[in-house]
């Protein structure tokens, strides 16, 4: 978690995208679980995830997690 603020800044993520990223990094939640936790619809969550992937230059959750821990 120490590196989260730096990662968010490096990839110009919005505060909400940062919240989504933090949930994705936990790795044990489905999109439905994350959406419920953040009080948003699954479709809105999917848009945030797509935006994070685009900004980070990855195509999957596994790729995002790998980038996060290797960065």
C-alpha atoms as a PDB file:
ATOM      1  CA  UNK A   1       0.000   0.000   0.000  1.00  0.00           C
ATOM      2  CA  UNK A   2       2.967   2.341   0.467  1.00  0.00           C
ATOM      3  CA  UNK A   3       3.453   2.581  -3.276  1.00  0.00           C
ATOM      4  CA  UNK A   4      -0.208   3.222  -4.120  1.00  0.00           C
ATOM      5  CA  UNK A   5      -0.050   7.058  -4.060  1.00  0.00           C
ATOM      6  CA  UNK A   6       3.049   7.050  -6.268  1.00  0.00           C
ATOM      7  CA  UNK A   7       1.469   4.637  -8.733  1.00  0.00           C
ATOM      8  CA  UNK A   8      -1.713   6.730  -8.873  1.00  0.00           C
ATOM      9  CA  UNK A   9       0.327   9.871  -9.549  1.00  0.00           C
ATOM     10  CA  UNK A  10       2.583   8.176 -12.125  1.00  0.00           C
ATOM     11  CA  UNK A  11      -0.383   7.100 -14.234  1.00  0.00           C
ATOM     12  CA  UNK A  12      -2.535  10.206 -13.611  1.00  0.00           C
ATOM     13  CA  UNK A  13      -5.374   8.246 -12.057  1.00  0.00           C
ATOM     14  CA  UNK A  14      -8.303  10.152 -10.618  1.00  0.00           C
ATOM     15  CA  UNK A  15      -9.078   9.784  -6.911  1.00  0.00           C
ATOM     16  CA  UNK A  16     -11.960   7.416  -7.735  1.00  0.00           C
ATOM     17  CA  UNK A  17      -9.762   5.365 -10.058  1.00  0.00           C
ATOM     18  CA  UNK A  18      -7.320   5.132  -7.154  1.00  0.00           C
ATOM     19  CA  UNK A  19     -10.091   3.724  -4.963  1.00  0.00           C
ATOM     20  CA  UNK A  20     -10.959   1.183  -7.661  1.00  0.00           C
ATOM     21  CA  UNK A  21      -7.287   0.268  -8.047  1.00  0.00           C
ATOM     22  CA  UNK A  22      -6.955  -0.296  -4.298  1.00  0.00           C
ATOM     23  CA  UNK A  23      -9.894  -2.719  -4.453  1.00  0.00           C
ATOM     24  CA  UNK A  24      -8.477  -4.501  -7.505  1.00  0.00           C
ATOM     25  CA  UNK A  25      -5.175  -5.030  -5.729  1.00  0.00           C
ATOM     26  CA  UNK A  26      -6.875  -6.921  -2.934  1.00  0.00           C
ATOM     27  CA  UNK A  27      -7.544  -9.544  -5.598  1.00  0.00           C
ATOM     28  CA  UNK A  28     -10.221 -11.486  -3.756  1.00  0.00           C
ATOM     29  CA  UNK A  29     -13.241  -9.540  -4.917  1.00  0.00           C
ATOM     30  CA  UNK A  30     -15.460  -9.926  -7.947  1.00  0.00           C
ATOM     31  CA  UNK A  31     -16.515  -6.854  -9.885  1.00  0.00           C
ATOM     32  CA  UNK A  32     -19.923  -7.120  -8.220  1.00  0.00           C
ATOM     33  CA  UNK A  33     -18.293  -7.119  -4.771  1.00  0.00           C
ATOM     34  CA  UNK A  34     -16.148  -4.105  -5.613  1.00  0.00           C
ATOM     35  CA  UNK A  35     -19.090  -2.197  -7.097  1.00  0.00           C
ATOM     36  CA  UNK A  36     -21.122  -2.847  -3.962  1.00  0.00           C
ATOM     37  CA  UNK A  37     -18.225  -1.761  -1.731  1.00  0.00           C
ATOM     38  CA  UNK A  38     -17.861   1.506  -3.686  1.00  0.00           C
ATOM     39  CA  UNK A  39     -21.635   2.043  -4.033  1.00  0.00           C
ATOM     40  CA  UNK A  40     -21.552   2.135  -7.846  1.00  0.00           C
ATOM     41  CA  UNK A  41     -23.006  -0.058 -10.565  1.00  0.00           C
ATOM     42  CA  UNK A  42     -20.972  -2.867 -12.097  1.00  0.00           C
ATOM     43  CA  UNK A  43     -21.125  -1.037 -15.443  1.00  0.00           C
ATOM     44  CA  UNK A  44     -19.644   2.145 -13.941  1.00  0.00           C
ATOM     45  CA  UNK A  45     -16.962   0.029 -12.260  1.00  0.00           C
ATOM     46  CA  UNK A  46     -16.137  -1.542 -15.625  1.00  0.00           C
ATOM     47  CA  UNK A  47     -15.654   1.925 -17.105  1.00  0.00           C
ATOM     48  CA  UNK A  48     -13.262   2.865 -14.303  1.00  0.00           C
ATOM     49  CA  UNK A  49     -11.340  -0.378 -14.806  1.00  0.00           C
ATOM     50  CA  UNK A  50     -11.098   0.213 -18.564  1.00  0.00           C
ATOM     51  CA  UNK A  51      -9.800   3.733 -17.927  1.00  0.00           C
ATOM     52  CA  UNK A  52      -7.189   2.450 -15.468  1.00  0.00           C
ATOM     53  CA  UNK A  53      -6.059  -0.205 -17.956  1.00  0.00           C
ATOM     54  CA  UNK A  54      -5.760   2.394 -20.720  1.00  0.00           C
ATOM     55  CA  UNK A  55      -3.758   4.815 -18.576  1.00  0.00           C
ATOM     56  CA  UNK A  56      -1.465   2.048 -17.318  1.00  0.00           C
ATOM     57  CA  UNK A  57      -1.084   0.466 -20.747  1.00  0.00           C
ATOM     58  CA  UNK A  58      -2.295  -2.976 -19.694  1.00  0.00           C
ATOM     59  CA  UNK A  59      -5.075  -5.233 -20.912  1.00  0.00           C
ATOM     60  CA  UNK A  60      -5.985  -7.301 -17.880  1.00  0.00           C
ATOM     61  CA  UNK A  61      -6.231  -7.298 -14.121  1.00  0.00           C
ATOM     62  CA  UNK A  62      -3.258  -9.665 -13.969  1.00  0.00           C
ATOM     63  CA  UNK A  63      -1.242  -7.269 -16.128  1.00  0.00           C
ATOM     64  CA  UNK A  64      -2.200  -4.352 -13.902  1.00  0.00           C
ATOM     65  CA  UNK A  65      -1.219  -6.185 -10.733  1.00  0.00           C
ATOM     66  CA  UNK A  66       2.067  -7.281 -12.284  1.00  0.00           C
ATOM     67  CA  UNK A  67       2.813  -3.687 -13.361  1.00  0.00           C
ATOM     68  CA  UNK A  68       1.955  -2.398  -9.892  1.00  0.00           C
ATOM     69  CA  UNK A  69       4.311  -4.761  -8.101  1.00  0.00           C
ATOM     70  CA  UNK A  70       7.127  -4.479 -10.641  1.00  0.00           C
ATOM     71  CA  UNK A  71       6.957  -0.689 -10.891  1.00  0.00           C
END
